[in-house]
Amino acid sequence: MVIGVGRVVLHMPANHSLKDKRSIIKSTLSQIQHRFSISAAEIERQDQWQVGVIGFSCVSSEVAHADSVLGNVVQYLENSRLDAEVVDVQTELLHAL
């Protein structure tokens, strides 16, 4: 079993409140969860209105598939959101018995 985990930091310079941020984060989480069949959540900096940190994960039987899913999620986040800029990406593949 291979577990793929990712962490993406988003910068949202046009936000003027936590309400603006929550709208973007909630929409983004919903989109990536349904599009890629992954688990995802806002994991850090919940009180900062221009920064959002999303954590996501997938489980697969193959390294190549898990790596592909993580890469596709990151690419989607970089290209699909005009209101949020990806400023940091971390991914890791874990092998479990």
PDB file of N, CA and C in Angstrom:
ATOM      1  N   MET A   1       0.843  -1.173   0.000  1.00  0.00           N
ATOM      2  CA  MET A   1       0.000   0.000   0.000  1.00  0.00           C
ATOM      3  C   MET A   1       0.893   1.243   0.000  1.00  0.00           C
ATOM      4  N   VAL A   2       0.514   2.211  -0.809  1.00  0.00           N
ATOM      5  CA  VAL A   2       1.238   3.472  -0.909  1.00  0.00           C
ATOM      6  C   VAL A   2       0.286   4.596  -0.516  1.00  0.00           C
ATOM      7  N   ILE A   3       0.753   5.450   0.375  1.00  0.00           N
ATOM      8  CA  ILE A   3      -0.037   6.602   0.810  1.00  0.00           C
ATOM      9  C   ILE A   3       0.663   7.853   0.309  1.00  0.00           C
ATOM     10  N   GLY A   4      -0.059   8.629  -0.471  1.00  0.00           N
ATOM     11  CA  GLY A   4       0.476   9.899  -0.962  1.00  0.00           C
ATOM     12  C   GLY A   4      -0.101  11.035  -0.139  1.00  0.00           C
ATOM     13  N   VAL A   5       0.779  11.904   0.356  1.00  0.00           N
ATOM     14  CA  VAL A   5       0.321  13.062   1.132  1.00  0.00           C
ATOM     15  C   VAL A   5       0.891  14.335   0.525  1.00  0.00           C
ATOM     16  N   GLY A   6       0.111  15.388   0.589  1.00  0.00           N
ATOM     17  CA  GLY A   6       0.556  16.668   0.047  1.00  0.00           C
ATOM     18  C   GLY A   6       0.132  17.818   0.931  1.00  0.00           C
ATOM     19  N   ARG A   7       0.876  18.896   0.831  1.00  0.00           N
ATOM     20  CA  ARG A   7       0.597  20.131   1.567  1.00  0.00           C
ATOM     21  C   ARG A   7       0.840  21.280   0.599  1.00  0.00           C
ATOM     22  N   VAL A   8      -0.170  22.127   0.426  1.00  0.00           N
ATOM     23  CA  VAL A   8      -0.068  23.261  -0.483  1.00  0.00           C
ATOM     24  C   VAL A   8      -0.423  24.543   0.277  1.00  0.00           C
ATOM     25  N   VAL A   9       0.430  25.548   0.127  1.00  0.00           N
ATOM     26  CA  VAL A   9       0.160  26.854   0.726  1.00  0.00           C
ATOM     27  C   VAL A   9      -0.350  27.775  -0.380  1.00  0.00           C
ATOM     28  N   LEU A  10      -1.514  28.378  -0.137  1.00  0.00           N
ATOM     29  CA  LEU A  10      -2.130  29.291  -1.089  1.00  0.00           C
ATOM     30  C   LEU A  10      -2.065  30.713  -0.554  1.00  0.00           C
ATOM     31  N   HIS A  11      -1.737  31.654  -1.431  1.00  0.00           N
ATOM     32  CA  HIS A  11      -1.784  33.079  -1.091  1.00  0.00           C
ATOM     33  C   HIS A  11      -2.951  33.692  -1.851  1.00  0.00           C
ATOM     34  N   MET A  12      -3.805  34.390  -1.108  1.00  0.00           N
ATOM     35  CA  MET A  12      -5.015  34.981  -1.692  1.00  0.00           C
ATOM     36  C   MET A  12      -5.004  36.480  -1.412  1.00  0.00           C
ATOM     37  N   PRO A  13      -4.275  37.257  -2.214  1.00  0.00           N
ATOM     38  CA  PRO A  13      -4.061  38.679  -1.911  1.00  0.00           C
ATOM     39  C   PRO A  13      -5.314  39.542  -1.983  1.00  0.00           C
ATOM     40  N   ALA A  14      -6.334  39.133  -2.687  1.00  0.00           N
ATOM     41  CA  ALA A  14      -7.543  39.951  -2.826  1.00  0.00           C
ATOM     42  C   ALA A  14      -8.501  39.793  -1.644  1.00  0.00           C
ATOM     43  N   ASN A  15      -8.229  38.856  -0.754  1.00  0.00           N
ATOM     44  CA  ASN A  15      -9.114  38.647   0.395  1.00  0.00           C
ATOM     45  C   ASN A  15      -9.038  39.806   1.367  1.00  0.00           C
ATOM     46  N   HIS A  16     -10.201  40.164   1.908  1.00  0.00           N
ATOM     47  CA  HIS A  16     -10.262  41.246   2.894  1.00  0.00           C
ATOM     48  C   HIS A  16     -10.881  40.782   4.200  1.00  0.00           C
ATOM     49  N   SER A  17     -11.185  39.481   4.294  1.00  0.00           N
ATOM     50  CA  SER A  17     -11.780  38.952   5.518  1.00  0.00           C
ATOM     51  C   SER A  17     -11.649  37.437   5.542  1.00  0.00           C
ATOM     52  N   LEU A  18     -11.883  36.870   6.717  1.00  0.00           N
ATOM     53  CA  LEU A  18     -11.899  35.415   6.837  1.00  0.00           C
ATOM     54  C   LEU A  18     -13.055  34.811   6.046  1.00  0.00           C
ATOM     55  N   LYS A  19     -14.132  35.566   5.904  1.00  0.00           N
ATOM     56  CA  LYS A  19     -15.275  35.087   5.123  1.00  0.00           C
ATOM     57  C   LYS A  19     -14.866  34.883   3.664  1.00  0.00           C
ATOM     58  N   ASP A  20     -14.112  35.810   3.098  1.00  0.00           N
ATOM     59  CA  ASP A  20     -13.605  35.665   1.728  1.00  0.00           C
ATOM     60  C   ASP A  20     -12.730  34.413   1.612  1.00  0.00           C
ATOM     61  N   LYS A  21     -11.833  34.258   2.586  1.00  0.00           N
ATOM     62  CA  LYS A  21     -10.920  33.123   2.569  1.00  0.00           C
ATOM     63  C   LYS A  21     -11.690  31.807   2.657  1.00  0.00           C
ATOM     64  N   ARG A  22     -12.634  31.715   3.573  1.00  0.00           N
ATOM     65  CA  ARG A  22     -13.383  30.473   3.756  1.00  0.00           C
ATOM     66  C   ARG A  22     -14.141  30.082   2.497  1.00  0.00           C
ATOM     67  N   SER A  23     -14.637  31.074   1.787  1.00  0.00           N
ATOM     68  CA  SER A  23     -15.344  30.809   0.542  1.00  0.00           C
ATOM     69  C   SER A  23     -14.423  30.138  -0.477  1.00  0.00           C
ATOM     70  N   ILE A  24     -13.240  30.669  -0.633  1.00  0.00           N
ATOM     71  CA  ILE A  24     -12.262  30.121  -1.585  1.00  0.00           C
ATOM     72  C   ILE A  24     -11.794  28.739  -1.140  1.00  0.00           C
ATOM     73  N   ILE A  25     -11.445  28.602   0.128  1.00  0.00           N
ATOM     74  CA  ILE A  25     -10.938  27.324   0.636  1.00  0.00           C
ATOM     75  C   ILE A  25     -12.009  26.244   0.535  1.00  0.00           C
ATOM     76  N   LYS A  26     -13.227  26.565   0.950  1.00  0.00           N
ATOM     77  CA  LYS A  26     -14.312  25.580   0.902  1.00  0.00           C
ATOM     78  C   LYS A  26     -14.566  25.113  -0.533  1.00  0.00           C
ATOM     79  N   SER A  27     -14.595  26.048  -1.464  1.00  0.00           N
ATOM     80  CA  SER A  27     -14.801  25.715  -2.873  1.00  0.00           C
ATOM     81  C   SER A  27     -13.652  24.863  -3.401  1.00  0.00           C
ATOM     82  N   THR A  28     -12.436  25.235  -3.078  1.00  0.00           N
ATOM     83  CA  THR A  28     -11.256  24.506  -3.535  1.00  0.00           C
ATOM     84  C   THR A  28     -11.246  23.084  -2.999  1.00  0.00           C
ATOM     85  N   LEU A  29     -11.523  22.936  -1.715  1.00  0.00           N
ATOM     86  CA  LEU A  29     -11.551  21.595  -1.114  1.00  0.00           C
ATOM     87  C   LEU A  29     -12.592  20.717  -1.796  1.00  0.00           C
ATOM     88  N   SER A  30     -13.766  21.262  -2.004  1.00  0.00           N
ATOM     89  CA  SER A  30     -14.840  20.503  -2.649  1.00  0.00           C
ATOM     90  C   SER A  30     -14.439  20.069  -4.057  1.00  0.00           C
ATOM     91  N   GLN A  31     -13.846  20.976  -4.810  1.00  0.00           N
ATOM     92  CA  GLN A  31     -13.449  20.679  -6.185  1.00  0.00           C
ATOM     93  C   GLN A  31     -12.414  19.560  -6.247  1.00  0.00           C
ATOM     94  N   ILE A  32     -11.365  19.652  -5.430  1.00  0.00           N
ATOM     95  CA  ILE A  32     -10.307  18.638  -5.515  1.00  0.00           C
ATOM     96  C   ILE A  32     -10.753  17.298  -4.935  1.00  0.00           C
ATOM     97  N   GLN A  33     -11.607  17.327  -3.909  1.00  0.00           N
ATOM     98  CA  GLN A  33     -12.097  16.066  -3.354  1.00  0.00           C
ATOM     99  C   GLN A  33     -12.917  15.295  -4.384  1.00  0.00           C
ATOM    100  N   HIS A  34     -13.795  15.993  -5.083  1.00  0.00           N
ATOM    101  CA  HIS A  34     -14.659  15.319  -6.048  1.00  0.00           C
ATOM    102  C   HIS A  34     -13.929  14.983  -7.348  1.00  0.00           C
ATOM    103  N   ARG A  35     -13.065  15.868  -7.782  1.00  0.00           N
ATOM    104  CA  ARG A  35     -12.373  15.648  -9.052  1.00  0.00           C
ATOM    105  C   ARG A  35     -11.345  14.515  -8.971  1.00  0.00           C
ATOM    106  N   PHE A  36     -10.648  14.400  -7.835  1.00  0.00           N
ATOM    107  CA  PHE A  36      -9.548  13.443  -7.720  1.00  0.00           C
ATOM    108  C   PHE A  36      -9.803  12.306  -6.732  1.00  0.00           C
ATOM    109  N   SER A  37     -10.962  12.278  -6.092  1.00  0.00           N
ATOM    110  CA  SER A  37     -11.298  11.241  -5.097  1.00  0.00           C
ATOM    111  C   SER A  37     -10.222  11.125  -4.017  1.00  0.00           C
ATOM    112  N   ILE A  38      -9.914  12.250  -3.406  1.00  0.00           N
ATOM    113  CA  ILE A  38      -8.906  12.311  -2.348  1.00  0.00           C
ATOM    114  C   ILE A  38      -9.541  12.844  -1.074  1.00  0.00           C
ATOM    115  N   SER A  39      -8.811  12.735   0.011  1.00  0.00           N
ATOM    116  CA  SER A  39      -9.191  13.388   1.257  1.00  0.00           C
ATOM    117  C   SER A  39      -8.443  14.705   1.313  1.00  0.00           C
ATOM    118  N   ALA A  40      -9.112  15.771   1.768  1.00  0.00           N
ATOM    119  CA  ALA A  40      -8.470  17.085   1.820  1.00  0.00           C
ATOM    120  C   ALA A  40      -9.101  17.928   2.914  1.00  0.00           C
ATOM    121  N   ALA A  41      -8.278  18.797   3.519  1.00  0.00           N
ATOM    122  CA  ALA A  41      -8.770  19.682   4.575  1.00  0.00           C
ATOM    123  C   ALA A  41      -7.836  20.884   4.697  1.00  0.00           C
ATOM    124  N   GLU A  42      -8.371  21.970   5.256  1.00  0.00           N
ATOM    125  CA  GLU A  42      -7.518  23.097   5.626  1.00  0.00           C
ATOM    126  C   GLU A  42      -6.827  22.695   6.917  1.00  0.00           C
ATOM    127  N   ILE A  43      -5.497  22.765   6.948  1.00  0.00           N
ATOM    128  CA  ILE A  43      -4.763  22.188   8.074  1.00  0.00           C
ATOM    129  C   ILE A  43      -4.005  23.196   8.931  1.00  0.00           C
ATOM    130  N   GLU A  44      -3.779  24.396   8.436  1.00  0.00           N
ATOM    131  CA  GLU A  44      -3.000  25.381   9.192  1.00  0.00           C
ATOM    132  C   GLU A  44      -3.481  26.789   8.861  1.00  0.00           C
ATOM    133  N   ARG A  45      -3.067  27.731   9.671  1.00  0.00           N
ATOM    134  CA  ARG A  45      -3.274  29.160   9.443  1.00  0.00           C
ATOM    135  C   ARG A  45      -4.741  29.536   9.210  1.00  0.00           C
ATOM    136  N   GLN A  46      -5.651  28.906   9.936  1.00  0.00           N
ATOM    137  CA  GLN A  46      -7.068  29.169   9.754  1.00  0.00           C
ATOM    138  C   GLN A  46      -7.456  30.611  10.085  1.00  0.00           C
ATOM    139  N   ASP A  47      -6.654  31.293  10.889  1.00  0.00           N
ATOM    140  CA  ASP A  47      -6.993  32.656  11.293  1.00  0.00           C
ATOM    141  C   ASP A  47      -6.336  33.741  10.433  1.00  0.00           C
ATOM    142  N   GLN A  48      -5.578  33.367   9.421  1.00  0.00           N
ATOM    143  CA  GLN A  48      -4.945  34.337   8.530  1.00  0.00           C
ATOM    144  C   GLN A  48      -5.755  34.434   7.244  1.00  0.00           C
ATOM    145  N   TRP A  49      -6.289  35.618   6.944  1.00  0.00           N
ATOM    146  CA  TRP A  49      -7.240  35.754   5.851  1.00  0.00           C
ATOM    147  C   TRP A  49      -6.648  35.795   4.460  1.00  0.00           C
ATOM    148  N   GLN A  50      -5.339  35.902   4.305  1.00  0.00           N
ATOM    149  CA  GLN A  50      -4.754  35.881   2.961  1.00  0.00           C
ATOM    150  C   GLN A  50      -3.920  34.635   2.678  1.00  0.00           C
ATOM    151  N   VAL A  51      -3.849  33.721   3.645  1.00  0.00           N
ATOM    152  CA  VAL A  51      -3.061  32.501   3.484  1.00  0.00           C
ATOM    153  C   VAL A  51      -3.913  31.298   3.870  1.00  0.00           C
ATOM    154  N   GLY A  52      -3.861  30.269   3.037  1.00  0.00           N
ATOM    155  CA  GLY A  52      -4.553  29.020   3.339  1.00  0.00           C
ATOM    156  C   GLY A  52      -3.622  27.854   3.106  1.00  0.00           C
ATOM    157  N   VAL A  53      -3.691  26.863   3.980  1.00  0.00           N
ATOM    158  CA  VAL A  53      -2.853  25.675   3.831  1.00  0.00           C
ATOM    159  C   VAL A  53      -3.779  24.469   3.720  1.00  0.00           C
ATOM    160  N   ILE A  54      -3.656  23.757   2.620  1.00  0.00           N
ATOM    161  CA  ILE A  54      -4.484  22.594   2.356  1.00  0.00           C
ATOM    162  C   ILE A  54      -3.619  21.342   2.417  1.00  0.00           C
ATOM    163  N   GLY A  55      -4.101  20.362   3.158  1.00  0.00           N
ATOM    164  CA  GLY A  55      -3.467  19.059   3.203  1.00  0.00           C
ATOM    165  C   GLY A  55      -4.357  18.071   2.479  1.00  0.00           C
ATOM    166  N   PHE A  56      -3.750  17.131   1.755  1.00  0.00           N
ATOM    167  CA  PHE A  56      -4.537  16.146   1.024  1.00  0.00           C
ATOM    168  C   PHE A  56      -3.789  14.820   0.970  1.00  0.00           C
ATOM    169  N   SER A  57      -4.564  13.737   0.755  1.00  0.00           N
ATOM    170  CA  SER A  57      -3.938  12.417   0.717  1.00  0.00           C
ATOM    171  C   SER A  57      -4.720  11.470  -0.182  1.00  0.00           C
ATOM    172  N   CYS A  58      -4.013  10.449  -0.634  1.00  0.00           N
ATOM    173  CA  CYS A  58      -4.621   9.381  -1.429  1.00  0.00           C
ATOM    174  C   CYS A  58      -3.956   8.066  -1.053  1.00  0.00           C
ATOM    175  N   VAL A  59      -4.659   6.983  -1.315  1.00  0.00           N
ATOM    176  CA  VAL A  59      -4.134   5.648  -1.066  1.00  0.00           C
ATOM    177  C   VAL A  59      -4.188   4.876  -2.376  1.00  0.00           C
ATOM    178  N   SER A  60      -3.118   4.158  -2.659  1.00  0.00           N
ATOM    179  CA  SER A  60      -3.051   3.396  -3.910  1.00  0.00           C
ATOM    180  C   SER A  60      -2.245   2.130  -3.688  1.00  0.00           C
ATOM    181  N   SER A  61      -2.337   1.249  -4.648  1.00  0.00           N
ATOM    182  CA  SER A  61      -1.517   0.037  -4.591  1.00  0.00           C
ATOM    183  C   SER A  61      -0.209   0.217  -5.360  1.00  0.00           C
ATOM    184  N   GLU A  62      -0.089   1.335  -6.095  1.00  0.00           N
ATOM    185  CA  GLU A  62       1.104   1.565  -6.906  1.00  0.00           C
ATOM    186  C   GLU A  62       1.691   2.952  -6.661  1.00  0.00           C
ATOM    187  N   VAL A  63       3.006   3.006  -6.604  1.00  0.00           N
ATOM    188  CA  VAL A  63       3.717   4.268  -6.390  1.00  0.00           C
ATOM    189  C   VAL A  63       3.419   5.253  -7.513  1.00  0.00           C
ATOM    190  N   ALA A  64       3.460   4.784  -8.745  1.00  0.00           N
ATOM    191  CA  ALA A  64       3.261   5.672  -9.898  1.00  0.00           C
ATOM    192  C   ALA A  64       1.881   6.317  -9.867  1.00  0.00           C
ATOM    193  N   HIS A  65       0.868   5.554  -9.478  1.00  0.00           N
ATOM    194  CA  HIS A  65      -0.488   6.103  -9.427  1.00  0.00           C
ATOM    195  C   HIS A  65      -0.615   7.161  -8.341  1.00  0.00           C
ATOM    196  N   ALA A  66      -0.114   6.873  -7.145  1.00  0.00           N
ATOM    197  CA  ALA A  66      -0.181   7.848  -6.047  1.00  0.00           C
ATOM    198  C   ALA A  66       0.570   9.125  -6.405  1.00  0.00           C
ATOM    199  N   ASP A  67       1.753   8.972  -7.004  1.00  0.00           N
ATOM    200  CA  ASP A  67       2.540  10.133  -7.412  1.00  0.00           C
ATOM    201  C   ASP A  67       1.811  10.949  -8.469  1.00  0.00           C
ATOM    202  N   SER A  68       1.164  10.278  -9.388  1.00  0.00           N
ATOM    203  CA  SER A  68       0.400  10.951 -10.440  1.00  0.00           C
ATOM    204  C   SER A  68      -0.774  11.734  -9.855  1.00  0.00           C
ATOM    205  N   VAL A  69      -1.490  11.136  -8.919  1.00  0.00           N
ATOM    206  CA  VAL A  69      -2.621  11.823  -8.291  1.00  0.00           C
ATOM    207  C   VAL A  69      -2.145  13.088  -7.588  1.00  0.00           C
ATOM    208  N   LEU A  70      -1.075  12.984  -6.810  1.00  0.00           N
ATOM    209  CA  LEU A  70      -0.550  14.163  -6.103  1.00  0.00           C
ATOM    210  C   LEU A  70      -0.157  15.252  -7.096  1.00  0.00           C
ATOM    211  N   GLY A  71       0.542  14.875  -8.146  1.00  0.00           N
ATOM    212  CA  GLY A  71       0.960  15.841  -9.162  1.00  0.00           C
ATOM    213  C   GLY A  71      -0.219  16.498  -9.856  1.00  0.00           C
ATOM    214  N   ASN A  72      -1.249  15.716 -10.138  1.00  0.00           N
ATOM    215  CA  ASN A  72      -2.440  16.268 -10.792  1.00  0.00           C
ATOM    216  C   ASN A  72      -3.182  17.252  -9.894  1.00  0.00           C
ATOM    217  N   VAL A  73      -3.247  16.956  -8.600  1.00  0.00           N
ATOM    218  CA  VAL A  73      -3.897  17.885  -7.666  1.00  0.00           C
ATOM    219  C   VAL A  73      -3.134  19.205  -7.634  1.00  0.00           C
ATOM    220  N   VAL A  74      -1.822  19.134  -7.514  1.00  0.00           N
ATOM    221  CA  VAL A  74      -1.009  20.351  -7.471  1.00  0.00           C
ATOM    222  C   VAL A  74      -1.157  21.142  -8.768  1.00  0.00           C
ATOM    223  N   GLN A  75      -1.088  20.467  -9.893  1.00  0.00           N
ATOM    224  CA  GLN A  75      -1.237  21.142 -11.186  1.00  0.00           C
ATOM    225  C   GLN A  75      -2.609  21.815 -11.292  1.00  0.00           C
ATOM    226  N   TYR A  76      -3.640  21.135 -10.851  1.00  0.00           N
ATOM    227  CA  TYR A  76      -4.986  21.699 -10.879  1.00  0.00           C
ATOM    228  C   TYR A  76      -5.056  22.963 -10.027  1.00  0.00           C
ATOM    229  N   LEU A  77      -4.479  22.918  -8.836  1.00  0.00           N
ATOM    230  CA  LEU A  77      -4.501  24.086  -7.954  1.00  0.00           C
ATOM    231  C   LEU A  77      -3.718  25.259  -8.557  1.00  0.00           C
ATOM    232  N   GLU A  78      -2.620  24.956  -9.211  1.00  0.00           N
ATOM    233  CA  GLU A  78      -1.805  26.011  -9.818  1.00  0.00           C
ATOM    234  C   GLU A  78      -2.496  26.658 -11.013  1.00  0.00           C
ATOM    235  N   ASN A  79      -3.283  25.888 -11.759  1.00  0.00           N
ATOM    236  CA  ASN A  79      -3.843  26.390 -13.010  1.00  0.00           C
ATOM    237  C   ASN A  79      -5.307  26.802 -12.964  1.00  0.00           C
ATOM    238  N   SER A  80      -6.049  26.333 -11.993  1.00  0.00           N
ATOM    239  CA  SER A  80      -7.495  26.560 -12.030  1.00  0.00           C
ATOM    240  C   SER A  80      -7.973  27.726 -11.181  1.00  0.00           C
ATOM    241  N   ARG A  81      -7.226  28.129 -10.187  1.00  0.00           N
ATOM    242  CA  ARG A  81      -7.685  29.182  -9.291  1.00  0.00           C
ATOM    243  C   ARG A  81      -7.023  30.508  -9.647  1.00  0.00           C
ATOM    244  N   LEU A  82      -7.808  31.449 -10.127  1.00  0.00           N
ATOM    245  CA  LEU A  82      -7.267  32.777 -10.427  1.00  0.00           C
ATOM    246  C   LEU A  82      -7.200  33.644  -9.175  1.00  0.00           C
ATOM    247  N   ASP A  83      -7.935  33.257  -8.137  1.00  0.00           N
ATOM    248  CA  ASP A  83      -7.985  34.046  -6.909  1.00  0.00           C
ATOM    249  C   ASP A  83      -7.028  33.540  -5.831  1.00  0.00           C
ATOM    250  N   ALA A  84      -6.248  32.500  -6.140  1.00  0.00           N
ATOM    251  CA  ALA A  84      -5.313  31.933  -5.169  1.00  0.00           C
ATOM    252  C   ALA A  84      -4.043  31.483  -5.884  1.00  0.00           C
ATOM    253  N   GLU A  85      -2.913  31.904  -5.353  1.00  0.00           N
ATOM    254  CA  GLU A  85      -1.615  31.557  -5.933  1.00  0.00           C
ATOM    255  C   GLU A  85      -0.932  30.507  -5.058  1.00  0.00           C
ATOM    256  N   VAL A  86      -0.467  29.438  -5.675  1.00  0.00           N
ATOM    257  CA  VAL A  86       0.274  28.407  -4.950  1.00  0.00           C
ATOM    258  C   VAL A  86       1.679  28.939  -4.696  1.00  0.00           C
ATOM    259  N   VAL A  87       2.065  29.028  -3.412  1.00  0.00           N
ATOM    260  CA  VAL A  87       3.387  29.562  -3.074  1.00  0.00           C
ATOM    261  C   VAL A  87       4.327  28.510  -2.494  1.00  0.00           C
ATOM    262  N   ASP A  88       3.784  27.355  -2.096  1.00  0.00           N
ATOM    263  CA  ASP A  88       4.642  26.285  -1.571  1.00  0.00           C
ATOM    264  C   ASP A  88       3.933  24.949  -1.756  1.00  0.00           C
ATOM    265  N   VAL A  89       4.698  23.941  -2.127  1.00  0.00           N
ATOM    266  CA  VAL A  89       4.163  22.591  -2.314  1.00  0.00           C
ATOM    267  C   VAL A  89       5.120  21.589  -1.682  1.00  0.00           C
ATOM    268  N   GLN A  90       4.543  20.668  -0.928  1.00  0.00           N
ATOM    269  CA  GLN A  90       5.314  19.550  -0.387  1.00  0.00           C
ATOM    270  C   GLN A  90       4.504  18.279  -0.614  1.00  0.00           C
ATOM    271  N   THR A  91       5.149  17.259  -1.145  1.00  0.00           N
ATOM    272  CA  THR A  91       4.487  15.964  -1.325  1.00  0.00           C
ATOM    273  C   THR A  91       5.413  14.868  -0.824  1.00  0.00           C
ATOM    274  N   GLU A  92       4.792  13.768  -0.423  1.00  0.00           N
ATOM    275  CA  GLU A  92       5.574  12.641   0.062  1.00  0.00           C
ATOM    276  C   GLU A  92       4.792  11.358  -0.200  1.00  0.00           C
ATOM    277  N   LEU A  93       5.521  10.305  -0.520  1.00  0.00           N
ATOM    278  CA  LEU A  93       4.926   8.983  -0.701  1.00  0.00           C
ATOM    279  C   LEU A  93       5.407   8.093   0.433  1.00  0.00           C
ATOM    280  N   LEU A  94       4.462   7.470   1.132  1.00  0.00           N
ATOM    281  CA  LEU A  94       4.772   6.605   2.254  1.00  0.00           C
ATOM    282  C   LEU A  94       4.399   5.175   1.878  1.00  0.00           C
ATOM    283  N   HIS A  95       5.264   4.246   2.216  1.00  0.00           N
ATOM    284  CA  HIS A  95       5.006   2.843   1.936  1.00  0.00           C
ATOM    285  C   HIS A  95       4.591   2.173   3.230  1.00  0.00           C
ATOM    286  N   ALA A  96       3.447   1.520   3.202  1.00  0.00           N
ATOM    287  CA  ALA A  96       2.935   0.810   4.386  1.00  0.00           C
ATOM    288  C   ALA A  96       2.773  -0.664   4.043  1.00  0.00           C
ATOM    289  N   LEU A  97       2.783  -1.468   5.066  1.00  0.00           N
ATOM    290  CA  LEU A  97       2.631  -2.914   4.867  1.00  0.00           C
ATOM    291  C   LEU A  97       1.208  -3.288   4.577  1.00  0.00           C
TER     292      LEU A  97
END
